[in-house]
Amino acid sequence: MNNLDDRGFWNLDDMKYTDNDLPESRFLQKGDFLFNRTNSIDLVGKSTVADFDSKISWAGYLIRLRLTPELDPNYLKYLFASPKYRKMFRRIAKPAGGQANINADELSAVKIDYRPLEEQEDIVAQLDNEVNTIKSLLEISKRRAKDIKSAVNSIWNE
C-alpha cells in the first residue's frame, strides 16, 4: 500500500522484494483489483488495479479480486476512492489492535453504484483524462517553482 497514493495510483519506485519462491497464483495479473483490508481507519479500503505486466505479488493485508467482465476494475477503483465509499469503509471497518479491518465477507456485502459496462468505461475515460490533466499541471507547477527559485537565487547571488 506504500506504493499507492490515496487515489489508487501506483508508484513503483520503492518496491519490496522477497527471495521466497511463490506459486504463480500469488502473482498479480493485469486487471486484478486490490483492496486494503487492514490499515489505519483513514486508509482501510484504499484500492487499486494492477495495470502493468510485471511479476508482482501482494501482501497478506490485501484482498485480491478478479472481477467479472461486466465490472471494469478501474471504475471500481474510482468508486472506492470517492468520498461516499471512503466514508462507508471508515464506518464498517472494525478496530483490531490499533488498526481497522474489513474482511472479505464485509467487502462482498458492499453494494456498489453499478452502471452498464459502456457507461463505466466512459466514466473511467473521463476521470483518467482529468487525472492526466492534473498530473500535467502539477509537473508544470513543480518546474515553474524551480524556475522561480532559480531566478530569485540569481538575483540574490545565492
Protein backbone atom coordinates (compact mmCIF):
# COMPACT_ATOMS: atom_id res chain seq x y z
CA MET A 1 0.00 0.00 0.00
CA ASN A 2 3.00 2.28 0.37
CA ASN A 3 3.32 2.06 -3.40
CA LEU A 4 -0.08 3.70 -3.90
CA ASP A 5 -1.31 7.23 -3.47
CA ASP A 6 -4.66 7.89 -1.79
CA ARG A 7 -6.48 7.65 -5.13
CA GLY A 8 -5.06 4.25 -6.05
CA PHE A 9 -2.31 5.26 -8.45
CA TRP A 10 0.93 3.28 -8.42
CA ASN A 11 4.41 4.50 -7.55
CA LEU A 12 6.78 1.57 -8.15
CA ASP A 13 9.97 3.43 -7.14
CA ASP A 14 10.37 1.80 -3.72
CA MET A 15 9.34 -1.82 -4.14
CA LYS A 16 9.92 -4.53 -1.50
CA TYR A 17 11.35 -7.87 -2.63
CA THR A 18 11.36 -11.44 -1.38
CA ASP A 19 13.69 -14.35 -2.04
CA ASN A 20 10.83 -16.81 -1.47
CA ASP A 21 9.66 -18.88 -4.40
CA LEU A 22 5.99 -18.05 -4.87
CA PRO A 23 3.47 -20.07 -6.85
CA GLU A 24 2.10 -18.43 -10.00
CA SER A 25 -1.24 -17.95 -8.22
CA ARG A 26 0.46 -15.39 -5.89
CA PHE A 27 1.33 -13.02 -8.75
CA LEU A 28 -0.90 -10.23 -9.93
CA GLN A 29 -2.34 -10.28 -13.40
CA LYS A 30 -3.14 -7.15 -15.35
CA GLY A 31 -6.65 -6.11 -14.32
CA ASP A 32 -6.53 -7.62 -10.81
CA PHE A 33 -8.20 -5.44 -8.19
CA LEU A 34 -6.52 -4.95 -4.80
CA PHE A 35 -8.40 -3.85 -1.68
CA ASN A 36 -6.61 -2.80 1.51
CA ARG A 37 -8.49 -4.73 4.19
CA THR A 38 -6.28 -3.77 7.16
CA ASN A 39 -4.75 -0.35 7.85
CA SER A 40 -5.44 2.86 9.73
CA ILE A 41 -9.09 3.91 9.73
CA ASP A 42 -8.33 6.50 7.02
CA LEU A 43 -6.52 4.05 4.72
CA VAL A 44 -8.57 0.88 5.08
CA GLY A 45 -10.39 0.38 1.78
CA LYS A 46 -7.68 2.02 -0.31
CA SER A 47 -7.83 0.19 -3.62
CA THR A 48 -6.13 -0.10 -6.99
CA VAL A 49 -5.87 -2.07 -10.20
CA ALA A 50 -2.80 -3.94 -11.43
CA ASP A 51 -2.21 -2.00 -14.63
CA PHE A 52 1.19 -3.43 -15.51
CA ASP A 53 2.78 -6.63 -16.76
CA SER A 54 5.31 -7.40 -14.03
CA LYS A 55 5.89 -10.27 -11.66
CA ILE A 56 4.49 -8.61 -8.55
CA SER A 57 2.77 -10.24 -5.58
CA TRP A 58 0.67 -8.66 -2.85
CA ALA A 59 0.80 -8.51 0.93
CA GLY A 60 -1.47 -10.54 3.20
CA TYR A 61 -3.38 -7.48 4.39
CA LEU A 62 -4.75 -7.01 0.86
CA ILE A 63 -7.63 -8.75 -0.82
CA ARG A 64 -7.08 -9.54 -4.50
CA LEU A 65 -10.16 -9.79 -6.68
CA ARG A 66 -10.59 -10.90 -10.25
CA LEU A 67 -13.74 -9.20 -11.41
CA THR A 68 -16.25 -10.40 -13.97
CA PRO A 69 -16.10 -8.74 -17.40
CA GLU A 70 -19.25 -6.74 -16.52
CA LEU A 71 -17.34 -4.67 -13.93
CA ASP A 72 -14.42 -2.50 -15.01
CA PRO A 73 -11.81 -2.67 -12.22
CA ASN A 74 -10.82 0.96 -12.87
CA TYR A 75 -14.43 2.03 -12.37
CA LEU A 76 -14.40 0.24 -9.02
CA LYS A 77 -11.07 1.90 -8.14
CA TYR A 78 -12.53 5.37 -8.76
CA LEU A 79 -15.75 4.44 -6.97
CA PHE A 80 -13.87 3.24 -3.88
CA ALA A 81 -11.72 6.41 -3.87
CA SER A 82 -14.82 8.63 -3.76
CA PRO A 83 -15.82 10.33 -0.50
CA LYS A 84 -19.02 8.26 -0.31
CA TYR A 85 -17.17 4.94 -0.26
CA ARG A 86 -14.25 6.19 1.87
CA LYS A 87 -16.79 7.27 4.49
CA MET A 88 -18.61 3.92 4.25
CA PHE A 89 -15.34 1.96 4.69
CA ARG A 90 -14.48 4.02 7.78
CA ARG A 91 -17.96 3.26 9.15
CA ILE A 92 -17.92 -0.53 8.58
CA ALA A 93 -14.25 -1.14 9.49
CA LYS A 94 -13.76 -2.98 12.77
CA PRO A 95 -10.96 -1.81 15.09
CA ALA A 96 -8.38 -4.51 15.82
CA GLY A 97 -5.02 -3.94 17.50
CA GLY A 98 -4.73 -0.27 16.61
CA GLN A 99 -5.75 -0.99 13.02
CA ALA A 100 -9.07 -1.06 11.21
CA ASN A 101 -10.20 -4.16 9.34
CA ILE A 102 -12.76 -5.03 6.68
CA ASN A 103 -12.89 -8.74 5.98
CA ALA A 104 -13.73 -10.41 2.67
CA ASP A 105 -17.32 -11.14 3.75
CA GLU A 106 -17.92 -7.50 4.64
CA LEU A 107 -16.40 -6.40 1.35
CA SER A 108 -18.60 -8.82 -0.59
CA ALA A 109 -21.67 -7.29 1.10
CA VAL A 110 -20.83 -3.78 -0.16
CA LYS A 111 -23.47 -2.56 -2.61
CA ILE A 112 -21.85 -0.58 -5.40
CA ASP A 113 -23.26 2.06 -7.71
CA TYR A 114 -23.33 -0.28 -10.67
CA ARG A 115 -23.63 1.11 -14.19
CA PRO A 116 -23.66 -0.69 -17.54
CA LEU A 117 -20.14 -1.50 -18.76
CA GLU A 118 -20.19 1.11 -21.53
CA GLU A 119 -21.11 3.81 -19.01
CA GLN A 120 -18.39 2.56 -16.63
CA GLU A 121 -15.83 2.83 -19.44
CA ASP A 122 -16.99 6.37 -20.29
CA ILE A 123 -16.67 7.42 -16.63
CA VAL A 124 -13.19 5.87 -16.40
CA ALA A 125 -12.08 7.61 -19.60
CA GLN A 126 -13.33 10.98 -18.33
CA LEU A 127 -11.68 10.54 -14.94
CA ASP A 128 -8.42 9.27 -16.47
CA ASN A 129 -8.35 12.36 -18.67
CA GLU A 130 -8.91 14.62 -15.67
CA VAL A 131 -6.23 12.81 -13.64
CA ASN A 132 -3.74 13.14 -16.50
CA THR A 133 -4.53 16.86 -16.78
CA ILE A 134 -3.97 17.31 -13.05
CA LYS A 135 -0.69 15.37 -13.18
CA SER A 136 0.49 17.57 -16.08
CA LEU A 137 -0.43 20.73 -14.21
CA LEU A 138 1.40 19.54 -11.10
CA GLU A 139 4.52 18.85 -13.19
CA ILE A 140 4.32 22.32 -14.75
CA SER A 141 3.86 23.81 -11.29
CA LYS A 142 6.97 21.99 -9.98
CA ARG A 143 9.06 23.14 -12.95
CA ARG A 144 7.88 26.74 -12.58
CA ALA A 145 8.60 26.70 -8.85
CA LYS A 146 12.18 25.61 -9.62
CA ASP A 147 12.47 28.34 -12.28
CA ILE A 148 11.23 30.98 -9.83
CA LYS A 149 13.59 29.75 -7.09
CA SER A 150 16.49 29.81 -9.53
CA ALA A 151 15.61 33.37 -10.66
CA VAL A 152 15.32 34.60 -7.07
CA ASN A 153 18.63 32.93 -6.16
CA SER A 154 20.35 34.57 -9.13
CA ILE A 155 19.02 37.98 -8.06
CA TRP A 156 20.31 37.50 -4.52
CA ASN A 157 23.51 35.76 -5.70
CA GLU A 158 22.75 32.60 -3.76
